[in-house]
Amino acid sequence: SNTGGYMIKQWYQRRVRGRFSPYKWLGFELSRQEFTDAVALRYEFVIPDLPSTCQCGKPNSSSHALSCPLGGYSILRHNEVRDCLAELAQHAGLKGVEIERQLLPVGDFPLPHTANHAPDARMDVYCMGLWGPLQKSYLDVRIFHPGAPSYRSKSIGNLYREQEAQKKRSYGKRIIEIERGTFSPVVLSTSGGVAPECDRLLRTLAAKIASKHGNSYREAMEFIRLRLRFAVLRVCLISLRGTRIKVHHTPVGLVDLNLL
């Protein structure tokens, strides 16, 4: 199917010609409030009308909202990027694309103590043919917020390297020795930036998409970056103002429908 290539070509042509917003055509448009919040996040402005206290009980801020685990928004952000990567891998013509693939058990293999030994460990994205013909590749996503208090004293470059190194310590040896595949940490920040290995991965995907569908490398690369950045941005914006508590409903089975 050439759906992916056609979509990229149409997006690029309409953006260049300026006929109408390609962002609206692809569902990338933002509301007025979302746009205002996005600009404030990008330049670290104070976001107006945020509650002073988070529903977890701590003082609220944009930085806290992007880091707070209550509500599951960090998981949603991770899953959006995971699914986006799997979609891009399919557009690139990679084989056997899967999400949440379970790893083989470690058994008595002597892995380092820093490695993940869990019997139910999974990789976010699995595919074949990324780095070589029929070579198994495993991708694992991590998204961090560089504005978190524990990160503010470190440069963004050091943060990217540290996050990649942590992923490699957890899974690198296990993937290479037991799965006999390659491992690529996919590290992004909430600002939309990517770590060096993620950048290399995206460039490889762009080259394969361009070759398969007849797009230029520039078209494919711009589209990939836009898809990933919006995948992160939309959930970041939702996490700023979304509810973090469960709404309790009366079970449907207990409702007398004759009263409705």
Protein backbone atom coordinates (compact mmCIF):
# COMPACT_ATOMS: atom_id res chain seq x y z
CA SER A 1 0.00 0.00 0.00
CA ASN A 2 1.21 3.51 -0.83
CA THR A 3 -1.09 5.22 1.66
CA GLY A 4 1.79 6.50 3.77
CA GLY A 5 3.68 7.96 0.81
CA TYR A 6 0.55 9.58 -0.62
CA MET A 7 -0.28 11.13 2.75
CA ILE A 8 3.20 12.62 3.08
CA LYS A 9 3.22 13.92 -0.50
CA GLN A 10 -0.17 15.58 -0.11
CA TRP A 11 0.78 17.11 3.23
CA TYR A 12 4.01 18.57 1.84
CA GLN A 13 2.48 19.92 -1.38
CA ARG A 14 -0.41 21.61 0.40
CA ARG A 15 1.90 23.13 2.99
CA VAL A 16 4.22 24.56 0.31
CA ARG A 17 1.41 25.85 -1.90
CA GLY A 18 -0.43 27.36 1.04
CA ARG A 19 -3.84 26.34 -0.25
CA PHE A 20 -5.11 25.54 3.21
CA SER A 21 -3.72 24.43 6.53
CA PRO A 22 -2.14 20.98 6.27
CA TYR A 23 -2.37 20.78 10.05
CA LYS A 24 -6.18 20.89 9.93
CA TRP A 25 -6.23 18.35 7.09
CA LEU A 26 -4.22 15.87 9.20
CA GLY A 27 -5.87 16.67 12.51
CA PHE A 28 -2.89 18.66 13.81
CA GLU A 29 -4.79 21.87 14.51
CA LEU A 30 -4.95 23.36 18.01
CA SER A 31 -7.68 25.32 19.73
CA ARG A 32 -6.94 28.88 20.83
CA GLN A 33 -6.32 27.79 24.41
CA GLU A 34 -4.15 24.86 23.31
CA PHE A 35 -2.05 27.13 21.11
CA THR A 36 -1.61 29.63 23.96
CA ASP A 37 -0.63 26.83 26.36
CA ALA A 38 1.79 25.36 23.79
CA VAL A 39 3.59 28.69 23.37
CA ALA A 40 3.76 29.15 27.14
CA LEU A 41 5.22 25.66 27.55
CA ARG A 42 7.80 26.25 24.84
CA TYR A 43 9.07 29.52 26.32
CA GLU A 44 8.46 28.62 29.98
CA PHE A 45 5.88 31.36 30.52
CA VAL A 46 3.39 31.18 33.36
CA ILE A 47 0.25 29.43 32.14
CA PRO A 48 -2.87 31.34 33.20
CA ASP A 49 -5.87 29.87 34.98
CA LEU A 50 -4.14 26.70 36.20
CA PRO A 51 -5.40 25.47 39.58
CA SER A 52 -3.00 26.41 42.36
CA THR A 53 -3.10 22.87 43.80
CA CYS A 54 -2.90 19.62 41.88
CA GLN A 55 -5.44 16.90 42.62
CA CYS A 56 -2.57 14.88 44.11
CA GLY A 57 -2.32 17.54 46.83
CA LYS A 58 0.95 19.18 45.75
CA PRO A 59 1.39 22.78 44.52
CA ASN A 60 0.52 22.91 40.84
CA SER A 61 2.57 24.31 37.97
CA SER A 62 3.18 23.43 34.34
CA SER A 63 6.30 21.51 35.35
CA HIS A 64 4.40 19.54 37.99
CA ALA A 65 1.52 18.82 35.59
CA LEU A 66 3.94 17.25 33.08
CA SER A 67 5.57 15.08 35.74
CA CYS A 68 2.66 14.09 38.02
CA PRO A 69 1.84 10.37 37.68
CA LEU A 70 -1.75 10.83 38.90
CA GLY A 71 -4.23 10.48 36.05
CA GLY A 72 -2.02 8.32 33.85
CA TYR A 73 -1.03 11.10 31.42
CA SER A 74 2.64 10.09 31.40
CA ILE A 75 1.59 6.58 30.31
CA LEU A 76 -0.73 8.01 27.66
CA ARG A 77 2.12 10.19 26.36
CA HIS A 78 4.40 7.16 26.16
CA ASN A 79 1.78 5.06 24.36
CA GLU A 80 1.08 7.80 21.79
CA VAL A 81 4.75 7.86 20.78
CA ARG A 82 4.95 4.05 20.80
CA ASP A 83 1.99 3.74 18.43
CA CYS A 84 3.34 6.52 16.22
CA LEU A 85 6.68 4.71 15.87
CA ALA A 86 4.94 1.44 14.99
CA GLU A 87 2.90 3.25 12.33
CA LEU A 88 6.03 4.85 10.85
CA ALA A 89 7.80 1.47 10.81
CA GLN A 90 4.94 0.01 8.79
CA HIS A 91 5.04 2.94 6.35
CA ALA A 92 8.78 2.27 5.96
CA GLY A 93 8.04 -1.29 4.84
CA LEU A 94 9.57 -3.01 7.87
CA LYS A 95 8.38 -6.56 8.52
CA GLY A 96 6.70 -8.10 11.54
CA VAL A 97 5.95 -4.83 13.31
CA GLU A 98 4.56 -5.46 16.81
CA ILE A 99 3.94 -3.41 19.92
CA GLU A 100 4.53 -4.68 23.47
CA ARG A 101 6.39 -7.80 22.32
CA GLN A 102 7.33 -10.03 25.25
CA LEU A 103 11.01 -10.88 25.61
CA LEU A 104 12.40 -14.38 25.98
CA PRO A 105 13.06 -15.47 29.58
CA VAL A 106 16.54 -14.82 30.95
CA GLY A 107 16.94 -18.25 32.53
CA ASP A 108 20.40 -18.72 34.03
CA PHE A 109 22.17 -16.43 31.56
CA PRO A 110 24.61 -14.18 33.51
CA LEU A 111 23.27 -10.69 32.79
CA PRO A 112 24.64 -7.62 34.63
CA HIS A 113 22.83 -6.70 37.85
CA THR A 114 21.63 -3.47 36.21
CA ALA A 115 19.76 -5.41 33.51
CA ASN A 116 16.01 -6.02 33.62
CA HIS A 117 15.57 -9.70 34.59
CA ALA A 118 11.76 -9.62 34.76
CA PRO A 119 10.15 -12.67 33.08
CA ASP A 120 7.32 -10.51 31.70
CA ALA A 121 9.54 -7.74 30.29
CA ARG A 122 8.33 -6.29 26.99
CA MET A 123 9.64 -4.00 24.27
CA ASP A 124 7.54 -1.12 22.99
CA VAL A 125 8.13 -1.79 19.27
CA TYR A 126 9.58 -4.80 17.49
CA CYS A 127 10.35 -4.98 13.76
CA MET A 128 12.65 -6.63 11.24
CA GLY A 129 14.76 -4.99 8.55
CA LEU A 130 15.48 -1.67 10.24
CA TRP A 131 19.27 -1.89 10.33
CA GLY A 132 19.78 -4.93 8.08
CA PRO A 133 17.80 -7.52 6.07
CA LEU A 134 15.70 -9.66 8.46
CA GLN A 135 17.65 -8.33 11.45
CA LYS A 136 15.48 -8.12 14.55
CA SER A 137 15.23 -4.66 16.09
CA TYR A 138 13.75 -3.68 19.45
CA LEU A 139 12.76 -0.10 20.30
CA ASP A 140 11.89 1.17 23.76
CA VAL A 141 10.45 4.63 24.42
CA ARG A 142 11.21 7.05 27.22
CA ILE A 143 9.83 10.60 27.45
CA PHE A 144 11.14 12.87 30.19
CA HIS A 145 10.41 16.43 31.26
CA PRO A 146 13.66 18.45 31.39
CA GLY A 147 11.99 21.08 33.57
CA ALA A 148 11.52 18.66 36.47
CA PRO A 149 13.31 19.85 39.65
CA SER A 150 15.74 16.91 39.63
CA TYR A 151 16.90 17.76 36.07
CA ARG A 152 17.26 21.54 36.22
CA SER A 153 20.93 21.53 37.18
CA LYS A 154 21.88 19.42 34.12
CA SER A 155 22.28 20.40 30.49
CA ILE A 156 19.81 18.98 27.98
CA GLY A 157 22.62 17.15 26.18
CA ASN A 158 23.68 15.37 29.37
CA LEU A 159 20.05 14.48 30.13
CA TYR A 160 19.61 12.83 26.75
CA ARG A 161 22.81 10.82 27.19
CA GLU A 162 21.87 9.75 30.72
CA GLN A 163 18.40 8.60 29.66
CA GLU A 164 19.84 6.59 26.76
CA ALA A 165 22.48 5.02 29.00
CA GLN A 166 19.84 3.97 31.56
CA LYS A 167 17.79 2.24 28.86
CA LYS A 168 20.86 0.46 27.52
CA ARG A 169 21.84 -0.76 30.97
CA SER A 170 18.35 -2.19 31.46
CA TYR A 171 17.84 -3.88 28.09
CA GLY A 172 20.89 -3.66 25.82
CA LYS A 173 22.73 -6.79 26.96
CA ARG A 174 19.53 -8.82 27.23
CA ILE A 175 18.45 -7.97 23.68
CA ILE A 176 21.88 -8.63 22.16
CA GLU A 177 22.69 -11.87 24.00
CA ILE A 178 19.28 -13.53 24.39
CA GLU A 179 17.12 -12.11 21.62
CA ARG A 180 20.05 -11.82 19.17
CA GLY A 181 18.73 -8.50 17.96
CA THR A 182 19.59 -4.81 18.12
CA PHE A 183 18.33 -2.41 20.78
CA SER A 184 17.57 1.26 20.19
CA PRO A 185 16.47 3.54 23.03
CA VAL A 186 13.94 6.10 21.76
CA VAL A 187 14.40 9.04 24.12
CA LEU A 188 12.40 12.26 23.68
CA SER A 189 11.74 15.28 25.87
CA THR A 190 8.39 16.93 26.48
CA SER A 191 9.64 19.91 24.47
CA GLY A 192 9.81 17.73 21.35
CA GLY A 193 13.56 17.25 21.20
CA VAL A 194 15.15 13.85 20.60
CA ALA A 195 18.30 12.12 21.82
CA PRO A 196 21.12 11.21 19.37
CA GLU A 197 20.13 7.57 18.88
CA CYS A 198 16.49 8.52 18.36
CA ASP A 199 17.60 11.06 15.75
CA ARG A 200 19.55 8.36 13.94
CA LEU A 201 16.50 6.08 14.04
CA LEU A 202 14.23 8.78 12.58
CA ARG A 203 16.69 9.53 9.79
CA THR A 204 16.80 5.84 8.89
CA LEU A 205 13.01 5.60 8.85
CA ALA A 206 12.79 8.75 6.70
CA ALA A 207 15.22 7.30 4.16
CA LYS A 208 13.27 4.04 3.95
CA ILE A 209 9.89 5.82 3.65
CA ALA A 210 11.26 8.11 0.92
CA SER A 211 12.69 5.15 -1.00
CA LYS A 212 9.57 3.01 -0.68
CA HIS A 213 6.94 5.63 -1.53
CA GLY A 214 8.78 7.96 -3.88
CA ASN A 215 8.91 10.92 -1.52
CA SER A 216 11.98 13.05 -1.06
CA TYR A 217 14.02 12.53 2.09
CA ARG A 218 13.19 16.09 3.15
CA GLU A 219 9.44 15.50 2.85
CA ALA A 220 9.60 12.26 4.83
CA MET A 221 11.82 13.71 7.57
CA GLU A 222 9.68 16.79 8.09
CA PHE A 223 6.53 14.69 8.27
CA ILE A 224 8.06 12.25 10.80
CA ARG A 225 9.23 15.06 13.08
CA LEU A 226 5.81 16.71 12.92
CA ARG A 227 3.99 13.46 13.74
CA LEU A 228 6.17 12.75 16.76
CA ARG A 229 6.13 16.29 18.10
CA PHE A 230 2.36 16.49 17.90
CA ALA A 231 2.05 13.05 19.52
CA VAL A 232 3.95 14.44 22.52
CA LEU A 233 2.43 17.93 22.47
CA ARG A 234 -1.22 16.90 22.41
CA VAL A 235 -0.90 14.75 25.53
CA CYS A 236 1.21 17.41 27.28
CA LEU A 237 -1.57 19.93 26.67
CA ILE A 238 -4.22 17.51 27.93
CA SER A 239 -2.19 16.84 31.08
CA LEU A 240 -2.15 20.58 31.93
CA ARG A 241 -5.91 20.88 32.32
CA GLY A 242 -7.23 17.32 32.34
CA THR A 243 -8.80 15.74 35.40
CA ARG A 244 -6.62 13.42 37.48
CA ILE A 245 -9.30 11.70 39.54
CA LYS A 246 -11.62 8.88 38.62
CA VAL A 247 -15.26 9.75 38.13
CA HIS A 248 -17.49 7.28 39.95
CA HIS A 249 -20.56 6.22 38.02
CA THR A 250 -23.46 4.03 39.01
CA PRO A 251 -23.02 0.64 37.31
CA VAL A 252 -25.31 0.30 34.31
CA GLY A 253 -26.71 -2.93 35.70
CA LEU A 254 -28.09 -1.07 38.73
CA VAL A 255 -29.96 1.54 36.70
CA ASP A 256 -33.68 1.03 36.07
CA LEU A 257 -33.90 1.92 32.39
CA ASN A 258 -37.69 2.26 32.67
CA LEU A 259 -37.15 5.41 34.70
CA LEU A 260 -35.19 7.11 31.93
